[in-house]
Amino acid sequence: MHQTTTARPSDAGGKPRLNVLLAGPRGFCAGVDRAIKIVEEAIRRYGAPVYVRHEIVHNRYVVESLERQGAIFVEELDEVPDDAPVVFSAHGVPKSVPAEASRRNLFYLDATCPLVSKVHREAEQHFSRGRHILLIGHAGHPEVVGTMGQLPQGTVTLVEDEEQARSVAVPTERPLAFITQTTLSVDDTAGIVAALRQRFPAIHAPAKEDICYATTNRQAAVKAIAPRAELMVVVGAPNSSNSLRLVEVAKRAGCPRALMVQRGRDLDPTLAAGLGTVGITAGASAPEVLVEEVLTRLSEHFEIVIEEVVVAEERITFKLPSGLQHA
């Protein structure tokens, strides 16, 4: 881990000092960055409006920014006109969605994160080998809906926690495999996997962990900061799985209080009154400008000194779909 320290300029003396531990990595991951670029490039190439099925990523600031550029967000394909392009969100979609788009001759672009697509392919391979699949994830999350929708109904069973892992009913005549949602708590998932392995020693595991590098790195940065911070602020959205996990990870790793804010204006600065050190991170769908808002909000009330705590360097990028690479 390397750390850098920078002071944030203040316009006035007399403010109480506040140390800020800034998590690195934080904010956008490669899959989110790619999904947003797909929408922006589609608007540039095909003109507005471009329709997007579901929030492209779980962040209102991002969604509203794309709306201003000409994106229209809908829940289902029946809201998309026949002559308009449509983008599928980064979380992935059931196979029925592109099938319906093809039936209607809609032009569509799939912004599913490549690491989610990898889990989809794993599920298909297990199914082709006659295995029943246990999917570790959160019911109703778009990624889980999309992953379960890759295969026929009844071939995937959802497991949400260790209790379910110890009691879930599975077919006795078929071998088992497990896959996971990409944005889970690393520690929670390890507990669930251990419970499954105890019950089913022959269960097939992913060749490489399904929890994505960005989720893992952001949780590791929070773990590095949490024991030193009296308050952890997670910039994210209440429907963002990876952001919610960061709040939980901070509390478990020893931070007395952790909370989520969507924007700088949502942070009550009095929560930091009397504290020496505050940690700040951002979920994988939160842009850096929102972290800057939180820092600005704090600097209005405190003389803040920023220390960046970096646990990993991320250089991963994902290509755009072939139809947009030269847009």
Protein backbone atom coordinates (compact mmCIF):
# COMPACT_ATOMS: atom_id res chain seq x y z
CA MET A 1 0.00 0.00 0.00
CA HIS A 2 1.35 3.43 -0.78
CA GLN A 3 -0.07 6.67 0.56
CA THR A 4 0.12 10.27 -0.54
CA THR A 5 -0.83 13.27 1.52
CA THR A 6 -2.18 16.53 0.15
CA ALA A 7 -3.56 19.55 1.95
CA ARG A 8 -6.73 21.14 0.68
CA PRO A 9 -6.45 24.93 0.63
CA SER A 10 -8.71 26.85 2.97
CA ASP A 11 -9.94 30.39 2.69
CA ALA A 12 -9.95 31.03 6.41
CA GLY A 13 -8.11 30.09 9.56
CA GLY A 14 -9.84 28.96 12.70
CA LYS A 15 -11.64 25.99 11.20
CA PRO A 16 -11.18 22.73 13.07
CA ARG A 17 -8.75 20.35 11.38
CA LEU A 18 -10.14 17.16 9.88
CA ASN A 19 -8.05 14.36 8.42
CA VAL A 20 -9.64 12.74 5.39
CA LEU A 21 -8.60 9.27 4.27
CA LEU A 22 -9.48 8.96 0.60
CA ALA A 23 -9.85 5.37 -0.61
CA GLY A 24 -8.06 4.21 -3.71
CA PRO A 25 -9.38 2.70 -5.86
CA ARG A 26 -12.81 4.30 -5.67
CA GLY A 27 -15.54 5.29 -8.10
CA PHE A 28 -15.90 4.23 -11.71
CA CYS A 29 -14.77 0.79 -12.78
CA ALA A 30 -14.01 -0.27 -16.36
CA GLY A 31 -17.45 -1.84 -16.88
CA VAL A 32 -19.29 1.30 -15.77
CA ASP A 33 -17.02 3.54 -17.83
CA ARG A 34 -17.66 1.37 -20.91
CA ALA A 35 -21.45 1.33 -20.40
CA ILE A 36 -21.65 5.12 -20.15
CA LYS A 37 -19.46 5.54 -23.24
CA ILE A 38 -21.72 3.16 -25.18
CA VAL A 39 -24.72 5.41 -24.52
CA GLU A 40 -22.77 8.60 -25.31
CA GLU A 41 -21.31 7.17 -28.52
CA ALA A 42 -24.71 5.83 -29.60
CA ILE A 43 -26.20 9.31 -29.19
CA ARG A 44 -23.34 10.83 -31.18
CA ARG A 45 -23.55 8.28 -33.97
CA TYR A 46 -27.30 7.76 -34.27
CA GLY A 47 -28.65 11.01 -32.82
CA ALA A 48 -31.08 11.54 -29.96
CA PRO A 49 -33.07 9.95 -28.62
CA VAL A 50 -31.35 6.69 -27.74
CA TYR A 51 -33.40 4.49 -25.43
CA VAL A 52 -31.84 2.67 -22.49
CA ARG A 53 -33.54 -0.29 -20.79
CA HIS A 54 -33.17 0.27 -17.04
CA GLU A 55 -30.64 2.63 -15.46
CA ILE A 56 -27.41 2.17 -17.42
CA VAL A 57 -25.63 2.11 -14.04
CA HIS A 58 -27.04 2.70 -10.57
CA ASN A 59 -26.37 6.40 -10.18
CA ARG A 60 -28.89 9.21 -10.61
CA TYR A 61 -26.24 11.82 -11.45
CA VAL A 62 -25.02 9.67 -14.34
CA VAL A 63 -28.55 8.90 -15.54
CA GLU A 64 -29.59 12.56 -15.47
CA SER A 65 -26.41 13.58 -17.28
CA LEU A 66 -27.18 11.09 -20.07
CA GLU A 67 -30.80 12.25 -20.19
CA ARG A 68 -29.57 15.79 -20.89
CA GLN A 69 -27.54 14.40 -23.81
CA GLY A 70 -30.58 12.65 -25.30
CA ALA A 71 -30.98 9.29 -23.56
CA ILE A 72 -34.46 8.10 -22.59
CA PHE A 73 -34.59 5.49 -19.83
CA VAL A 74 -37.38 2.92 -19.86
CA GLU A 75 -38.22 -0.16 -17.85
CA GLU A 76 -39.15 -2.51 -20.70
CA LEU A 77 -38.77 -2.81 -24.46
CA ASP A 78 -42.48 -2.18 -25.14
CA GLU A 79 -41.75 1.49 -24.32
CA VAL A 80 -39.17 1.69 -27.16
CA PRO A 81 -40.39 2.81 -30.63
CA ASP A 82 -39.64 0.48 -33.55
CA ASP A 83 -37.23 2.88 -35.24
CA ALA A 84 -35.11 3.85 -32.19
CA PRO A 85 -31.83 2.32 -31.00
CA VAL A 86 -31.86 0.79 -27.52
CA VAL A 87 -29.02 0.03 -25.08
CA PHE A 88 -29.14 -2.73 -22.44
CA SER A 89 -27.72 -1.78 -19.04
CA ALA A 90 -24.34 -2.80 -17.58
CA HIS A 91 -26.02 -5.29 -15.22
CA GLY A 92 -26.96 -7.70 -18.00
CA VAL A 93 -30.35 -8.89 -19.23
CA PRO A 94 -32.21 -12.21 -19.53
CA LYS A 95 -31.94 -13.85 -22.96
CA SER A 96 -35.61 -13.04 -23.53
CA VAL A 97 -34.74 -9.33 -23.89
CA PRO A 98 -32.41 -9.47 -26.94
CA ALA A 99 -34.71 -12.16 -28.36
CA GLU A 100 -37.65 -9.75 -28.15
CA ALA A 101 -35.53 -6.93 -29.62
CA SER A 102 -34.59 -9.17 -32.54
CA ARG A 103 -38.20 -10.23 -33.06
CA ARG A 104 -39.13 -6.54 -33.39
CA ASN A 105 -36.06 -5.79 -35.57
CA LEU A 106 -34.87 -3.24 -33.01
CA PHE A 107 -31.28 -2.04 -33.29
CA TYR A 108 -29.75 -2.74 -29.91
CA LEU A 109 -26.38 -2.35 -28.18
CA ASP A 110 -25.52 -4.54 -25.20
CA ALA A 111 -23.64 -2.61 -22.48
CA THR A 112 -23.45 -5.63 -20.16
CA CYS A 113 -20.16 -5.54 -18.25
CA PRO A 114 -17.80 -8.14 -19.75
CA LEU A 115 -17.22 -9.55 -16.26
CA VAL A 116 -20.98 -10.14 -15.89
CA SER A 117 -21.03 -11.72 -19.37
CA LYS A 118 -18.26 -14.05 -18.14
CA VAL A 119 -20.59 -15.28 -15.38
CA HIS A 120 -23.35 -15.79 -17.97
CA ARG A 121 -21.01 -17.99 -20.04
CA GLU A 122 -20.03 -19.95 -16.91
CA ALA A 123 -23.71 -20.61 -16.21
CA GLU A 124 -24.25 -21.86 -19.76
CA GLN A 125 -21.23 -24.16 -19.54
CA HIS A 126 -22.41 -25.68 -16.26
CA PHE A 127 -25.88 -26.19 -17.73
CA SER A 128 -24.46 -27.84 -20.86
CA ARG A 129 -22.59 -30.29 -18.61
CA GLY A 130 -25.77 -31.27 -16.79
CA ARG A 131 -25.10 -29.38 -13.57
CA HIS A 132 -27.67 -27.63 -11.40
CA ILE A 133 -26.46 -24.13 -10.59
CA LEU A 134 -26.54 -22.29 -7.26
CA LEU A 135 -26.29 -18.54 -7.82
CA ILE A 136 -25.04 -16.56 -4.82
CA GLY A 137 -26.62 -13.12 -5.01
CA HIS A 138 -29.43 -10.77 -4.02
CA ALA A 139 -32.99 -11.47 -5.12
CA GLY A 140 -34.39 -8.89 -7.53
CA HIS A 141 -31.05 -7.26 -8.37
CA PRO A 142 -30.89 -6.66 -12.15
CA GLU A 143 -27.66 -8.65 -12.44
CA VAL A 144 -29.23 -11.66 -10.72
CA VAL A 145 -32.36 -11.40 -12.88
CA GLY A 146 -30.15 -11.26 -15.98
CA THR A 147 -27.96 -14.19 -14.93
CA MET A 148 -30.88 -16.45 -13.99
CA GLY A 149 -32.52 -15.46 -17.30
CA GLN A 150 -29.68 -17.03 -19.30
CA LEU A 151 -31.05 -20.53 -18.62
CA PRO A 152 -34.39 -22.34 -18.47
CA GLN A 153 -36.51 -21.79 -15.39
CA GLY A 154 -35.74 -24.18 -12.55
CA THR A 155 -32.12 -24.81 -13.54
CA VAL A 156 -30.69 -22.07 -11.28
CA THR A 157 -31.37 -21.73 -7.54
CA LEU A 158 -30.65 -18.43 -5.76
CA VAL A 159 -28.75 -18.50 -2.46
CA GLU A 160 -28.69 -15.18 -0.58
CA ASP A 161 -26.93 -15.97 2.70
CA GLU A 162 -25.25 -18.65 4.81
CA GLU A 163 -28.53 -19.76 6.36
CA GLN A 164 -29.94 -20.50 2.92
CA ALA A 165 -26.69 -22.21 1.93
CA ARG A 166 -27.14 -24.63 4.83
CA SER A 167 -30.77 -25.43 4.02
CA VAL A 168 -31.41 -24.86 0.30
CA ALA A 169 -33.07 -27.78 -1.47
CA VAL A 170 -31.28 -28.98 -4.60
CA PRO A 171 -31.90 -31.76 -7.13
CA THR A 172 -30.24 -34.97 -5.93
CA GLU A 173 -29.80 -36.51 -9.36
CA ARG A 174 -27.57 -33.80 -10.86
CA PRO A 175 -24.07 -32.53 -10.02
CA LEU A 176 -23.88 -29.01 -8.58
CA ALA A 177 -21.98 -25.83 -9.42
CA PHE A 178 -22.03 -22.35 -7.95
CA ILE A 179 -21.58 -18.91 -9.51
CA THR A 180 -21.88 -15.48 -7.89
CA GLN A 181 -23.11 -11.98 -8.52
CA THR A 182 -20.09 -9.75 -9.28
CA THR A 183 -20.79 -7.05 -6.69
CA LEU A 184 -21.07 -9.00 -3.43
CA SER A 185 -19.23 -8.68 -0.14
CA VAL A 186 -16.05 -10.73 -0.49
CA ASP A 187 -16.26 -11.88 3.14
CA ASP A 188 -19.99 -12.71 3.08
CA THR A 189 -19.54 -14.71 -0.09
CA ALA A 190 -16.62 -16.64 1.38
CA GLY A 191 -18.89 -17.69 4.26
CA ILE A 192 -21.65 -18.79 1.91
CA VAL A 193 -19.21 -20.74 -0.28
CA ALA A 194 -17.74 -22.45 2.80
CA ALA A 195 -21.25 -23.52 3.88
CA LEU A 196 -21.99 -24.88 0.40
CA ARG A 197 -18.68 -26.77 0.23
CA GLN A 198 -19.36 -28.31 3.64
CA ARG A 199 -22.73 -29.63 2.44
CA PHE A 200 -21.67 -30.45 -1.11
CA PRO A 201 -17.94 -31.29 -1.19
CA ALA A 202 -18.06 -32.09 -4.92
CA ILE A 203 -19.66 -28.77 -5.94
CA HIS A 204 -17.97 -27.15 -8.96
CA ALA A 205 -16.50 -23.68 -8.33
CA PRO A 206 -15.67 -20.90 -10.79
CA ALA A 207 -12.20 -21.25 -12.33
CA LYS A 208 -11.65 -17.66 -11.22
CA GLU A 209 -13.68 -15.82 -8.61
CA ASP A 210 -16.81 -14.18 -10.03
CA ILE A 211 -16.70 -11.16 -7.69
CA CYS A 212 -15.11 -8.57 -9.94
CA TYR A 213 -11.73 -6.93 -9.42
CA ALA A 214 -13.34 -3.51 -8.85
CA THR A 215 -15.65 -4.74 -6.08
CA THR A 216 -12.74 -6.57 -4.43
CA ASN A 217 -10.37 -3.60 -4.65
CA ARG A 218 -12.89 -1.06 -3.33
CA GLN A 219 -13.68 -3.29 -0.36
CA ALA A 220 -9.95 -3.79 0.32
CA ALA A 221 -9.39 -0.01 0.35
CA VAL A 222 -12.24 0.44 2.83
CA LYS A 223 -10.79 -2.28 5.06
CA ALA A 224 -7.45 -0.45 5.04
CA ILE A 225 -9.08 2.82 6.07
CA ALA A 226 -11.86 1.71 8.44
CA PRO A 227 -9.77 1.00 11.57
CA ARG A 228 -8.30 4.54 11.38
CA ALA A 229 -11.56 6.42 10.67
CA GLU A 230 -14.30 7.49 13.04
CA LEU A 231 -16.77 7.99 10.19
CA MET A 232 -16.86 6.45 6.69
CA VAL A 233 -18.72 8.25 3.93
CA VAL A 234 -19.61 6.12 0.91
CA VAL A 235 -20.65 8.05 -2.19
CA GLY A 236 -23.15 5.87 -3.99
CA ALA A 237 -26.77 5.01 -4.65
CA PRO A 238 -29.20 3.11 -2.42
CA ASN A 239 -29.93 0.65 -5.27
CA SER A 240 -26.22 0.04 -5.94
CA SER A 241 -25.17 -3.36 -4.57
CA ASN A 242 -21.45 -2.62 -4.53
CA SER A 243 -22.01 0.72 -2.73
CA LEU A 244 -24.20 -0.88 -0.06
CA ARG A 245 -21.53 -3.50 0.52
CA LEU A 246 -18.93 -0.77 1.13
CA VAL A 247 -21.02 0.60 4.01
CA GLU A 248 -21.26 -2.90 5.52
CA VAL A 249 -17.56 -3.60 5.01
CA ALA A 250 -16.58 -0.35 6.74
CA LYS A 251 -18.62 -1.19 9.84
CA ARG A 252 -17.28 -4.73 10.04
CA ALA A 253 -13.70 -3.54 9.57
CA GLY A 254 -13.87 -1.36 12.67
CA CYS A 255 -15.28 2.02 11.65
CA PRO A 256 -17.73 3.17 14.36
CA ARG A 257 -20.09 4.74 11.83
CA ALA A 258 -20.57 4.40 8.08
CA LEU A 259 -23.19 6.00 5.87
CA MET A 260 -24.02 6.54 2.23
CA VAL A 261 -24.67 9.84 0.47
CA GLN A 262 -25.61 10.38 -3.17
CA ARG A 263 -24.31 13.96 -3.42
CA GLY A 264 -22.18 16.36 -1.40
CA ARG A 265 -25.31 18.27 -0.41
CA ASP A 266 -26.68 15.11 1.25
CA LEU A 267 -23.87 15.04 3.82
CA ASP A 268 -24.58 16.63 7.18
CA PRO A 269 -21.18 18.13 8.10
CA THR A 270 -22.09 18.22 11.79
CA LEU A 271 -21.62 14.43 11.76
CA ALA A 272 -17.88 15.10 11.51
CA ALA A 273 -17.85 17.67 14.32
CA GLY A 274 -15.35 16.70 16.99
CA LEU A 275 -13.91 13.89 14.91
CA GLY A 276 -10.26 13.58 13.96
CA THR A 277 -10.48 11.37 10.88
CA VAL A 278 -13.11 10.66 8.24
CA GLY A 279 -12.83 8.09 5.45
CA ILE A 280 -14.33 8.65 2.00
CA THR A 281 -14.89 6.20 -0.82
CA ALA A 282 -17.24 5.82 -3.78
CA GLY A 283 -19.07 2.90 -5.32
CA ALA A 284 -18.14 1.68 -8.79
CA SER A 285 -20.98 3.62 -10.46
CA ALA A 286 -20.26 6.97 -8.74
CA PRO A 287 -18.24 9.55 -10.70
CA GLU A 288 -15.31 11.38 -9.11
CA VAL A 289 -17.14 14.71 -9.34
CA LEU A 290 -19.44 13.49 -6.55
CA VAL A 291 -16.45 12.70 -4.32
CA GLU A 292 -15.24 16.25 -5.00
CA GLU A 293 -18.65 17.54 -3.88
CA VAL A 294 -18.24 15.73 -0.54
CA LEU A 295 -14.73 17.13 -0.08
CA THR A 296 -15.97 20.64 -0.89
CA ARG A 297 -18.82 20.23 1.59
CA LEU A 298 -16.40 19.23 4.34
CA SER A 299 -13.90 21.97 3.48
CA GLU A 300 -16.62 24.57 4.07
CA HIS A 301 -16.61 23.59 7.73
CA PHE A 302 -13.16 22.10 8.37
CA GLU A 303 -9.53 22.57 7.48
CA ILE A 304 -9.18 19.24 5.73
CA VAL A 305 -5.95 17.38 5.15
CA ILE A 306 -6.30 14.59 2.58
CA GLU A 307 -4.37 11.35 2.70
CA GLU A 308 -4.95 8.99 -0.19
CA VAL A 309 -4.78 5.32 0.81
CA VAL A 310 -4.15 3.24 -2.32
CA VAL A 311 -4.30 -0.55 -2.12
CA ALA A 312 -4.29 -1.33 -5.85
CA GLU A 313 -3.71 0.34 -9.21
CA GLU A 314 -6.39 -0.35 -11.82
CA ARG A 315 -5.47 -0.21 -15.49
CA ILE A 316 -8.20 -2.42 -16.92
CA THR A 317 -10.24 -1.06 -19.84
CA PHE A 318 -12.93 -2.75 -21.94
CA LYS A 319 -13.47 -2.16 -25.64
CA LEU A 320 -16.73 -0.74 -26.94
CA PRO A 321 -18.95 -3.01 -29.08
CA SER A 322 -17.60 -3.33 -32.62
CA GLY A 323 -20.31 -1.08 -34.05
CA LEU A 324 -19.19 1.85 -31.91
CA GLN A 325 -15.40 1.51 -31.77
CA HIS A 326 -14.86 4.05 -34.56
CA ALA A 327 -17.81 6.29 -33.75
